[in-house]
Amino acid sequence: IELEKSELKPHDRLGKGSICVIEMAGGGAPLSVPDQAQFSVFRHVVIGESRKYLREEVKKAAEKADLKASYTLSFRDAPHPDNAGFMPYVTSDIDPMTELIKDSIKRVTGKEANIAYFCSVGDFNYLGSRLKTPTYLFGPIGENYHAADEYVEIDSVVKTAGVIYDYLVEVLKAGRE
């Protein structure tokens, strides 16, 4: 419980991370104290919350809980040290590629681009945080993502394709200049 009360570090664009206990194991007969217990936590981090920071966070929570037992902390296995975790990133508003995507959105849709940040993890975290390249999530209008009744509006799929095409043309032109 003390871990869930941790003071999360805020980031001006990403907001605060989150802590969610996703699995617990251990126990035995009712009203007995188990010899061993374990739990898994999904920890959504923001820039500035490194593994060192997370270790300190757990240590502080254990101290606040006045934990009498020993504990170990481990991170999920990764196929390579450079792939350990979905690291947060932000993209510069003044990057030339950001300007190009914003211009493409305006040309195709007639609307200004809505640049926003939200809590999520995916392959884009690997590209944005490790390659240090502008990385955008962009797509059609829809609802109920990752659910049985997920849908997109067909006309927005066409506009999305148009924006991507326009952007790629502009990137190729910029590369020749």
N, C-alpha and C. Protein backbone atom coordinates (compact mmCIF):
# COMPACT_ATOMS: atom_id res chain seq x y z
N ILE A 1 0.83 -1.18 0.00
CA ILE A 1 0.00 0.00 0.00
C ILE A 1 0.88 1.25 0.00
N GLU A 2 1.98 1.22 0.72
CA GLU A 2 2.86 2.39 0.75
C GLU A 2 3.44 2.69 -0.62
N LEU A 3 3.69 1.66 -1.42
CA LEU A 3 4.22 1.89 -2.76
C LEU A 3 3.21 2.67 -3.60
N GLU A 4 1.95 2.33 -3.48
CA GLU A 4 0.90 3.04 -4.22
C GLU A 4 0.75 4.49 -3.77
N LYS A 5 1.24 4.82 -2.58
CA LYS A 5 1.19 6.19 -2.06
C LYS A 5 2.42 7.00 -2.45
N SER A 6 3.34 6.42 -3.20
CA SER A 6 4.57 7.12 -3.56
C SER A 6 4.27 8.43 -4.26
N GLU A 7 5.11 9.42 -3.99
CA GLU A 7 4.96 10.71 -4.64
C GLU A 7 5.54 10.60 -6.04
N LEU A 8 4.69 10.70 -7.04
CA LEU A 8 5.11 10.53 -8.42
C LEU A 8 5.69 11.84 -8.96
N LYS A 9 6.78 11.72 -9.68
CA LYS A 9 7.46 12.89 -10.23
C LYS A 9 6.65 13.44 -11.41
N PRO A 10 6.30 14.71 -11.38
CA PRO A 10 5.54 15.28 -12.50
C PRO A 10 6.46 15.70 -13.66
N HIS A 11 5.92 15.66 -14.86
CA HIS A 11 6.61 16.16 -16.05
C HIS A 11 5.68 17.17 -16.71
N ASP A 12 6.23 18.27 -17.21
CA ASP A 12 5.37 19.34 -17.73
C ASP A 12 4.49 18.91 -18.90
N ARG A 13 4.87 17.93 -19.68
CA ARG A 13 4.04 17.48 -20.80
C ARG A 13 3.40 16.11 -20.56
N LEU A 14 4.11 15.24 -19.87
CA LEU A 14 3.64 13.88 -19.70
C LEU A 14 2.76 13.70 -18.46
N GLY A 15 2.71 14.71 -17.61
CA GLY A 15 1.96 14.58 -16.37
C GLY A 15 2.73 13.72 -15.39
N LYS A 16 2.01 12.94 -14.60
CA LYS A 16 2.64 12.04 -13.64
C LYS A 16 2.51 10.61 -14.15
N GLY A 17 3.46 9.77 -13.75
CA GLY A 17 3.39 8.35 -14.06
C GLY A 17 2.29 7.71 -13.22
N SER A 18 2.29 6.40 -13.18
CA SER A 18 1.28 5.70 -12.38
C SER A 18 1.86 4.41 -11.84
N ILE A 19 1.23 3.92 -10.79
CA ILE A 19 1.61 2.65 -10.15
C ILE A 19 0.36 1.80 -10.07
N CYS A 20 0.45 0.59 -10.58
CA CYS A 20 -0.71 -0.31 -10.54
C CYS A 20 -0.25 -1.72 -10.19
N VAL A 21 -0.72 -2.24 -9.06
CA VAL A 21 -0.42 -3.63 -8.70
C VAL A 21 -1.28 -4.51 -9.60
N ILE A 22 -0.62 -5.37 -10.39
CA ILE A 22 -1.36 -6.16 -11.37
C ILE A 22 -1.43 -7.65 -11.03
N GLU A 23 -0.68 -8.07 -10.02
CA GLU A 23 -0.69 -9.49 -9.66
C GLU A 23 -0.16 -9.65 -8.25
N MET A 24 -0.79 -10.53 -7.48
CA MET A 24 -0.32 -10.85 -6.14
C MET A 24 -0.36 -12.37 -5.96
N ALA A 25 0.63 -12.90 -5.26
CA ALA A 25 0.67 -14.34 -4.99
C ALA A 25 1.27 -14.57 -3.61
N GLY A 26 0.89 -15.67 -3.00
CA GLY A 26 1.41 -16.02 -1.68
C GLY A 26 0.28 -16.13 -0.69
N GLY A 27 0.51 -16.81 0.34
CA GLY A 27 -0.53 -16.97 1.35
C GLY A 27 -0.60 -18.41 1.80
N GLY A 28 -1.72 -18.81 2.20
CA GLY A 28 -1.91 -20.16 2.70
C GLY A 28 -3.29 -20.24 3.30
N ALA A 29 -3.36 -20.81 4.46
CA ALA A 29 -4.65 -20.96 5.13
C ALA A 29 -5.17 -19.60 5.59
N PRO A 30 -6.50 -19.45 5.69
CA PRO A 30 -7.05 -18.20 6.19
C PRO A 30 -6.47 -17.84 7.56
N LEU A 31 -6.26 -16.58 7.76
CA LEU A 31 -5.75 -16.01 9.01
C LEU A 31 -4.31 -16.39 9.31
N SER A 32 -3.59 -16.86 8.31
CA SER A 32 -2.18 -17.18 8.54
C SER A 32 -1.31 -16.19 7.77
N VAL A 33 -0.12 -15.98 8.27
CA VAL A 33 0.83 -15.09 7.61
C VAL A 33 1.71 -15.96 6.73
N PRO A 34 1.79 -15.68 5.44
CA PRO A 34 2.57 -16.53 4.55
C PRO A 34 4.07 -16.40 4.81
N ASP A 35 4.80 -17.48 4.53
CA ASP A 35 6.26 -17.43 4.61
C ASP A 35 6.83 -16.53 3.51
N GLN A 36 6.12 -16.49 2.40
CA GLN A 36 6.61 -15.77 1.25
C GLN A 36 5.43 -15.21 0.47
N ALA A 37 5.61 -14.05 -0.09
CA ALA A 37 4.57 -13.43 -0.93
C ALA A 37 5.27 -12.62 -2.01
N GLN A 38 4.56 -12.38 -3.08
CA GLN A 38 5.13 -11.55 -4.15
C GLN A 38 4.01 -10.80 -4.85
N PHE A 39 4.39 -9.71 -5.46
CA PHE A 39 3.42 -8.97 -6.26
C PHE A 39 4.14 -8.34 -7.43
N SER A 40 3.39 -8.11 -8.49
CA SER A 40 3.92 -7.47 -9.70
C SER A 40 3.25 -6.11 -9.84
N VAL A 41 4.04 -5.17 -10.29
CA VAL A 41 3.57 -3.80 -10.43
C VAL A 41 3.84 -3.33 -11.85
N PHE A 42 2.84 -2.69 -12.44
CA PHE A 42 3.08 -1.97 -13.68
C PHE A 42 3.34 -0.54 -13.28
N ARG A 43 4.50 -0.04 -13.63
CA ARG A 43 4.90 1.32 -13.25
C ARG A 43 5.09 2.14 -14.52
N HIS A 44 4.14 3.00 -14.80
CA HIS A 44 4.25 3.89 -15.95
C HIS A 44 5.12 5.06 -15.51
N VAL A 45 6.24 5.27 -16.19
CA VAL A 45 7.20 6.29 -15.77
C VAL A 45 7.16 7.50 -16.69
N VAL A 46 7.66 8.62 -16.17
CA VAL A 46 7.85 9.82 -16.97
C VAL A 46 9.35 10.09 -17.02
N ILE A 47 9.74 11.04 -17.83
CA ILE A 47 11.16 11.40 -17.95
C ILE A 47 11.68 11.78 -16.57
N GLY A 48 12.84 11.22 -16.21
CA GLY A 48 13.44 11.48 -14.90
C GLY A 48 13.24 10.35 -13.92
N GLU A 49 12.40 9.38 -14.25
CA GLU A 49 12.17 8.23 -13.36
C GLU A 49 12.91 7.02 -13.94
N SER A 50 14.17 6.89 -13.56
CA SER A 50 15.04 5.81 -14.03
C SER A 50 14.88 4.58 -13.14
N ARG A 51 15.58 3.51 -13.49
CA ARG A 51 15.56 2.32 -12.63
C ARG A 51 16.12 2.64 -11.25
N LYS A 52 17.14 3.47 -11.19
CA LYS A 52 17.69 3.88 -9.90
C LYS A 52 16.61 4.59 -9.08
N TYR A 53 15.87 5.48 -9.72
CA TYR A 53 14.79 6.21 -9.06
C TYR A 53 13.73 5.24 -8.55
N LEU A 54 13.38 4.23 -9.36
CA LEU A 54 12.36 3.25 -8.97
C LEU A 54 12.83 2.39 -7.80
N ARG A 55 14.10 2.03 -7.79
CA ARG A 55 14.64 1.26 -6.66
C ARG A 55 14.52 2.06 -5.36
N GLU A 56 14.85 3.34 -5.44
CA GLU A 56 14.75 4.22 -4.27
C GLU A 56 13.29 4.36 -3.83
N GLU A 57 12.39 4.44 -4.78
CA GLU A 57 10.96 4.54 -4.49
C GLU A 57 10.48 3.32 -3.69
N VAL A 58 10.91 2.14 -4.11
CA VAL A 58 10.53 0.90 -3.39
C VAL A 58 11.15 0.88 -2.00
N LYS A 59 12.40 1.29 -1.91
CA LYS A 59 13.08 1.32 -0.61
C LYS A 59 12.34 2.25 0.36
N LYS A 60 11.96 3.44 -0.10
CA LYS A 60 11.23 4.38 0.75
C LYS A 60 9.88 3.80 1.18
N ALA A 61 9.18 3.13 0.26
CA ALA A 61 7.88 2.54 0.59
C ALA A 61 8.04 1.44 1.64
N ALA A 62 9.09 0.63 1.52
CA ALA A 62 9.34 -0.44 2.50
C ALA A 62 9.65 0.16 3.87
N GLU A 63 10.40 1.26 3.89
CA GLU A 63 10.70 1.93 5.16
C GLU A 63 9.45 2.52 5.79
N LYS A 64 8.60 3.17 4.99
CA LYS A 64 7.36 3.74 5.50
C LYS A 64 6.42 2.67 6.04
N ALA A 65 6.45 1.50 5.40
CA ALA A 65 5.58 0.39 5.84
C ALA A 65 6.17 -0.32 7.06
N ASP A 66 7.38 0.08 7.46
CA ASP A 66 8.07 -0.56 8.58
C ASP A 66 8.16 -2.07 8.35
N LEU A 67 8.54 -2.42 7.13
CA LEU A 67 8.62 -3.82 6.71
C LEU A 67 9.66 -4.56 7.54
N LYS A 68 9.27 -5.66 8.16
CA LYS A 68 10.18 -6.45 8.99
C LYS A 68 10.86 -7.55 8.21
N ALA A 69 10.34 -7.88 7.06
CA ALA A 69 10.89 -8.96 6.25
C ALA A 69 11.88 -8.41 5.23
N SER A 70 12.59 -9.29 4.59
CA SER A 70 13.47 -8.88 3.50
C SER A 70 12.67 -8.88 2.21
N TYR A 71 13.15 -8.15 1.24
CA TYR A 71 12.47 -8.10 -0.05
C TYR A 71 13.51 -8.02 -1.16
N THR A 72 13.10 -8.41 -2.34
CA THR A 72 13.93 -8.25 -3.53
C THR A 72 13.09 -7.54 -4.59
N LEU A 73 13.77 -6.80 -5.42
CA LEU A 73 13.13 -6.06 -6.50
C LEU A 73 13.77 -6.53 -7.80
N SER A 74 12.94 -6.88 -8.76
CA SER A 74 13.48 -7.24 -10.07
C SER A 74 12.62 -6.59 -11.14
N PHE A 75 13.24 -6.37 -12.28
CA PHE A 75 12.56 -5.79 -13.43
C PHE A 75 12.31 -6.89 -14.45
N ARG A 76 11.33 -6.68 -15.29
CA ARG A 76 10.99 -7.66 -16.31
C ARG A 76 12.21 -7.94 -17.19
N ASP A 77 12.39 -9.22 -17.55
CA ASP A 77 13.48 -9.60 -18.44
C ASP A 77 13.29 -8.97 -19.81
N ALA A 78 14.38 -8.57 -20.40
CA ALA A 78 14.36 -7.99 -21.74
C ALA A 78 15.36 -8.77 -22.61
N PRO A 79 15.10 -8.85 -23.89
CA PRO A 79 16.01 -9.59 -24.77
C PRO A 79 17.38 -8.95 -24.90
N HIS A 80 17.49 -7.68 -24.58
CA HIS A 80 18.75 -6.95 -24.69
C HIS A 80 18.69 -5.78 -23.69
N PRO A 81 19.80 -5.44 -23.04
CA PRO A 81 19.76 -4.33 -22.07
C PRO A 81 19.21 -3.02 -22.62
N ASP A 82 19.44 -2.76 -23.90
CA ASP A 82 18.93 -1.52 -24.50
C ASP A 82 17.42 -1.56 -24.73
N ASN A 83 16.79 -2.72 -24.53
CA ASN A 83 15.34 -2.85 -24.73
C ASN A 83 14.58 -2.94 -23.42
N ALA A 84 15.22 -2.65 -22.33
CA ALA A 84 14.60 -2.82 -21.01
C ALA A 84 13.62 -1.69 -20.73
N GLY A 85 12.35 -1.96 -20.91
CA GLY A 85 11.31 -1.02 -20.54
C GLY A 85 10.86 -0.10 -21.66
N PHE A 86 9.65 0.41 -21.49
CA PHE A 86 9.07 1.37 -22.41
C PHE A 86 9.40 2.75 -21.87
N MET A 87 10.47 3.34 -22.34
CA MET A 87 10.93 4.61 -21.81
C MET A 87 10.11 5.77 -22.38
N PRO A 88 9.86 6.79 -21.55
CA PRO A 88 9.08 7.94 -22.01
C PRO A 88 9.92 8.85 -22.91
N TYR A 89 9.23 9.65 -23.69
CA TYR A 89 9.91 10.62 -24.56
C TYR A 89 8.96 11.77 -24.86
N VAL A 90 9.51 12.85 -25.31
CA VAL A 90 8.73 13.96 -25.86
C VAL A 90 9.39 14.34 -27.19
N THR A 91 8.62 14.93 -28.06
CA THR A 91 9.12 15.37 -29.35
C THR A 91 9.10 16.90 -29.38
N SER A 92 10.16 17.47 -29.88
CA SER A 92 10.28 18.93 -29.93
C SER A 92 9.21 19.53 -30.84
N ASP A 93 8.58 20.59 -30.36
CA ASP A 93 7.58 21.30 -31.16
C ASP A 93 8.21 22.04 -32.33
N ILE A 94 9.51 22.33 -32.24
CA ILE A 94 10.16 23.11 -33.29
C ILE A 94 11.07 22.25 -34.18
N ASP A 95 11.00 20.94 -34.04
CA ASP A 95 11.77 20.04 -34.91
C ASP A 95 11.24 20.19 -36.35
N PRO A 96 12.12 20.21 -37.35
CA PRO A 96 11.66 20.33 -38.74
C PRO A 96 10.65 19.25 -39.14
N MET A 97 10.82 18.03 -38.65
CA MET A 97 9.88 16.96 -38.98
C MET A 97 8.51 17.21 -38.34
N THR A 98 8.51 17.80 -37.15
CA THR A 98 7.25 18.15 -36.50
C THR A 98 6.54 19.22 -37.31
N GLU A 99 7.30 20.19 -37.79
CA GLU A 99 6.70 21.23 -38.63
C GLU A 99 6.11 20.62 -39.90
N LEU A 100 6.81 19.66 -40.50
CA LEU A 100 6.31 19.04 -41.72
C LEU A 100 5.01 18.27 -41.48
N ILE A 101 4.93 17.52 -40.39
CA ILE A 101 3.70 16.75 -40.13
C ILE A 101 2.54 17.71 -39.82
N LYS A 102 2.82 18.76 -39.09
CA LYS A 102 1.76 19.75 -38.80
C LYS A 102 1.27 20.40 -40.09
N ASP A 103 2.20 20.73 -40.98
CA ASP A 103 1.81 21.33 -42.26
C ASP A 103 0.99 20.34 -43.09
N SER A 104 1.36 19.09 -43.12
CA SER A 104 0.61 18.08 -43.88
C SER A 104 -0.79 17.91 -43.33
N ILE A 105 -0.92 17.90 -42.02
CA ILE A 105 -2.25 17.79 -41.41
C ILE A 105 -3.12 18.98 -41.83
N LYS A 106 -2.55 20.16 -41.80
CA LYS A 106 -3.30 21.37 -42.17
C LYS A 106 -3.71 21.33 -43.64
N ARG A 107 -2.78 20.93 -44.53
CA ARG A 107 -3.09 20.90 -45.96
C ARG A 107 -4.20 19.89 -46.28
N VAL A 108 -4.14 18.72 -45.67
CA VAL A 108 -5.09 17.65 -46.03
C VAL A 108 -6.43 17.81 -45.33
N THR A 109 -6.41 18.19 -44.05
CA THR A 109 -7.66 18.24 -43.29
C THR A 109 -8.26 19.64 -43.19
N GLY A 110 -7.43 20.66 -43.44
CA GLY A 110 -7.90 22.03 -43.27
C GLY A 110 -7.93 22.47 -41.82
N LYS A 111 -7.42 21.63 -40.92
CA LYS A 111 -7.43 21.95 -39.48
C LYS A 111 -5.99 21.97 -38.95
N GLU A 112 -5.80 22.77 -37.90
CA GLU A 112 -4.51 22.79 -37.22
C GLU A 112 -4.28 21.45 -36.51
N ALA A 113 -3.05 21.02 -36.45
CA ALA A 113 -2.70 19.78 -35.75
C ALA A 113 -2.92 19.95 -34.25
N ASN A 114 -3.42 18.93 -33.61
CA ASN A 114 -3.62 18.92 -32.17
C ASN A 114 -2.49 18.08 -31.57
N ILE A 115 -1.47 18.73 -31.06
CA ILE A 115 -0.34 18.04 -30.46
C ILE A 115 -0.65 17.80 -28.99
N ALA A 116 -0.64 16.54 -28.58
CA ALA A 116 -0.99 16.20 -27.20
C ALA A 116 -0.17 15.01 -26.75
N TYR A 117 -0.10 14.83 -25.45
CA TYR A 117 0.60 13.69 -24.85
C TYR A 117 -0.39 12.92 -23.98
N PHE A 118 -0.15 11.62 -23.84
CA PHE A 118 -1.02 10.79 -23.01
C PHE A 118 -0.22 9.60 -22.51
N CYS A 119 -0.77 8.91 -21.52
CA CYS A 119 -0.11 7.74 -20.94
C CYS A 119 -0.40 6.51 -21.78
N SER A 120 0.64 5.93 -22.33
CA SER A 120 0.50 4.71 -23.10
C SER A 120 1.90 4.15 -23.33
N VAL A 121 1.96 2.90 -23.73
CA VAL A 121 3.24 2.28 -24.08
C VAL A 121 3.07 1.50 -25.37
N GLY A 122 4.15 1.45 -26.15
CA GLY A 122 4.15 0.71 -27.40
C GLY A 122 5.49 0.85 -28.09
N ASP A 123 5.56 0.35 -29.31
CA ASP A 123 6.80 0.41 -30.07
C ASP A 123 7.30 1.84 -30.23
N PHE A 124 6.38 2.80 -30.25
CA PHE A 124 6.77 4.20 -30.40
C PHE A 124 7.70 4.64 -29.26
N ASN A 125 7.57 4.03 -28.07
CA ASN A 125 8.48 4.37 -26.97
C ASN A 125 9.91 3.99 -27.31
N TYR A 126 10.10 2.86 -27.99
CA TYR A 126 11.45 2.44 -28.37
C TYR A 126 12.05 3.42 -29.38
N LEU A 127 11.26 3.85 -30.34
CA LEU A 127 11.76 4.77 -31.36
C LEU A 127 12.02 6.16 -30.78
N GLY A 128 11.06 6.70 -30.07
CA GLY A 128 11.19 8.05 -29.55
C GLY A 128 12.26 8.21 -28.49
N SER A 129 12.40 7.21 -27.62
CA SER A 129 13.34 7.36 -26.51
C SER A 129 14.75 6.88 -26.84
N ARG A 130 14.88 5.87 -27.66
CA ARG A 130 16.20 5.31 -27.90
C ARG A 130 16.87 5.87 -29.16
N LEU A 131 16.09 6.10 -30.19
CA LEU A 131 16.67 6.64 -31.42
C LEU A 131 16.73 8.16 -31.40
N LYS A 132 16.04 8.76 -30.44
CA LYS A 132 16.01 10.23 -30.32
C LYS A 132 15.53 10.86 -31.63
N THR A 133 14.56 10.22 -32.24
CA THR A 133 13.99 10.74 -33.48
C THR A 133 12.55 11.16 -33.22
N PRO A 134 12.08 12.20 -33.89
CA PRO A 134 10.68 12.60 -33.68
C PRO A 134 9.76 11.41 -33.97
N THR A 135 8.88 11.14 -33.04
CA THR A 135 7.99 9.98 -33.15
C THR A 135 6.58 10.44 -32.83
N TYR A 136 5.65 10.15 -33.74
CA TYR A 136 4.29 10.64 -33.61
C TYR A 136 3.30 9.48 -33.64
N LEU A 137 2.24 9.61 -32.90
CA LEU A 137 1.10 8.70 -33.02
C LEU A 137 0.04 9.48 -33.77
N PHE A 138 -0.39 8.93 -34.87
CA PHE A 138 -1.32 9.65 -35.72
C PHE A 138 -2.21 8.63 -36.39
N GLY A 139 -3.49 8.90 -36.42
CA GLY A 139 -4.37 7.94 -37.07
C GLY A 139 -5.79 8.45 -37.20
N PRO A 140 -6.66 7.56 -37.67
CA PRO A 140 -8.05 7.95 -37.92
C PRO A 140 -8.84 8.16 -36.63
N ILE A 141 -9.99 8.78 -36.79
CA ILE A 141 -10.91 9.00 -35.67
C ILE A 141 -11.67 7.71 -35.42
N GLY A 142 -11.80 7.36 -34.16
CA GLY A 142 -12.53 6.15 -33.81
C GLY A 142 -12.81 6.10 -32.32
N GLU A 143 -13.27 4.95 -31.87
CA GLU A 143 -13.60 4.76 -30.45
C GLU A 143 -13.37 3.30 -30.06
N ASN A 144 -13.39 3.07 -28.76
CA ASN A 144 -13.34 1.72 -28.16
C ASN A 144 -12.08 0.95 -28.55
N TYR A 145 -10.95 1.62 -28.47
CA TYR A 145 -9.69 1.02 -28.87
C TYR A 145 -9.42 -0.27 -28.09
N HIS A 146 -8.97 -1.28 -28.80
CA HIS A 146 -8.60 -2.59 -28.25
C HIS A 146 -9.79 -3.31 -27.61
N ALA A 147 -10.99 -3.02 -28.06
CA ALA A 147 -12.19 -3.68 -27.54
C ALA A 147 -12.93 -4.34 -28.71
N ALA A 148 -13.87 -5.19 -28.37
CA ALA A 148 -14.61 -5.94 -29.38
C ALA A 148 -15.35 -5.03 -30.34
N ASP A 149 -15.81 -3.88 -29.88
CA ASP A 149 -16.58 -2.99 -30.74
C ASP A 149 -15.77 -1.77 -31.19
N GLU A 150 -14.45 -1.97 -31.35
CA GLU A 150 -13.58 -0.90 -31.84
C GLU A 150 -13.99 -0.54 -33.27
N TYR A 151 -13.91 0.75 -33.60
CA TYR A 151 -14.22 1.16 -34.96
C TYR A 151 -13.49 2.45 -35.31
N VAL A 152 -13.39 2.71 -36.61
CA VAL A 152 -12.87 3.99 -37.10
C VAL A 152 -13.85 4.53 -38.12
N GLU A 153 -13.83 5.85 -38.28
CA GLU A 153 -14.67 6.50 -39.28
C GLU A 153 -13.93 6.44 -40.62
N ILE A 154 -14.57 5.84 -41.61
CA ILE A 154 -13.93 5.57 -42.89
C ILE A 154 -13.36 6.83 -43.54
N ASP A 155 -14.09 7.94 -43.53
CA ASP A 155 -13.57 9.15 -44.16
C ASP A 155 -12.30 9.63 -43.47
N SER A 156 -12.16 9.35 -42.16
CA SER A 156 -10.94 9.76 -41.47
C SER A 156 -9.77 8.84 -41.82
N VAL A 157 -10.06 7.59 -42.22
CA VAL A 157 -9.00 6.68 -42.69
C VAL A 157 -8.42 7.23 -43.99
N VAL A 158 -9.28 7.71 -44.88
CA VAL A 158 -8.84 8.28 -46.15
C VAL A 158 -7.99 9.53 -45.89
N LYS A 159 -8.44 10.40 -44.99
CA LYS A 159 -7.67 11.61 -44.66
C LYS A 159 -6.33 11.26 -44.02
N THR A 160 -6.34 10.24 -43.16
CA THR A 160 -5.09 9.80 -42.54
C THR A 160 -4.09 9.36 -43.59
N ALA A 161 -4.56 8.57 -44.55
CA ALA A 161 -3.68 8.12 -45.63
C ALA A 161 -3.17 9.33 -46.43
N GLY A 162 -4.04 10.31 -46.65
CA GLY A 162 -3.64 11.51 -47.37
C GLY A 162 -2.57 12.30 -46.63
N VAL A 163 -2.72 12.41 -45.32
CA VAL A 163 -1.73 13.13 -44.51
C VAL A 163 -0.39 12.40 -44.56
N ILE A 164 -0.41 11.10 -44.40
CA ILE A 164 0.84 10.33 -44.42
C ILE A 164 1.52 10.46 -45.78
N TYR A 165 0.75 10.36 -46.86
CA TYR A 165 1.31 10.51 -48.20
C TYR A 165 1.92 11.90 -48.37
N ASP A 166 1.18 12.93 -48.01
CA ASP A 166 1.66 14.30 -48.13
C ASP A 166 2.94 14.50 -47.32
N TYR A 167 2.95 13.98 -46.11
CA TYR A 167 4.12 14.10 -45.23
C TYR A 167 5.34 13.43 -45.86
N LEU A 168 5.17 12.23 -46.37
CA LEU A 168 6.30 11.51 -46.98
C LEU A 168 6.83 12.25 -48.20
N VAL A 169 5.95 12.79 -49.02
CA VAL A 169 6.37 13.60 -50.17
C VAL A 169 7.20 14.79 -49.70
N GLU A 170 6.73 15.47 -48.66
CA GLU A 170 7.45 16.65 -48.14
C GLU A 170 8.79 16.26 -47.53
N VAL A 171 8.85 15.12 -46.85
CA VAL A 171 10.12 14.65 -46.27
C VAL A 171 11.12 14.37 -47.40
N LEU A 172 10.67 13.73 -48.47
CA LEU A 172 11.54 13.44 -49.59
C LEU A 172 12.01 14.72 -50.27
N LYS A 173 11.12 15.69 -50.43
CA LYS A 173 11.51 16.98 -51.01
C LYS A 173 12.56 17.66 -50.13
N ALA A 174 12.33 17.66 -48.82
CA ALA A 174 13.26 18.31 -47.88
C ALA A 174 14.63 17.64 -47.92
N GLY A 175 14.65 16.33 -48.15
CA GLY A 175 15.91 15.61 -48.21
C GLY A 175 16.74 15.95 -49.44
N ARG A 176 16.07 16.42 -50.49
CA ARG A 176 16.76 16.78 -51.73
C ARG A 176 17.27 18.21 -51.69
N GLU A 177 16.75 19.01 -50.79
CA GLU A 177 17.13 20.42 -50.76
C GLU A 177 18.42 20.65 -50.03
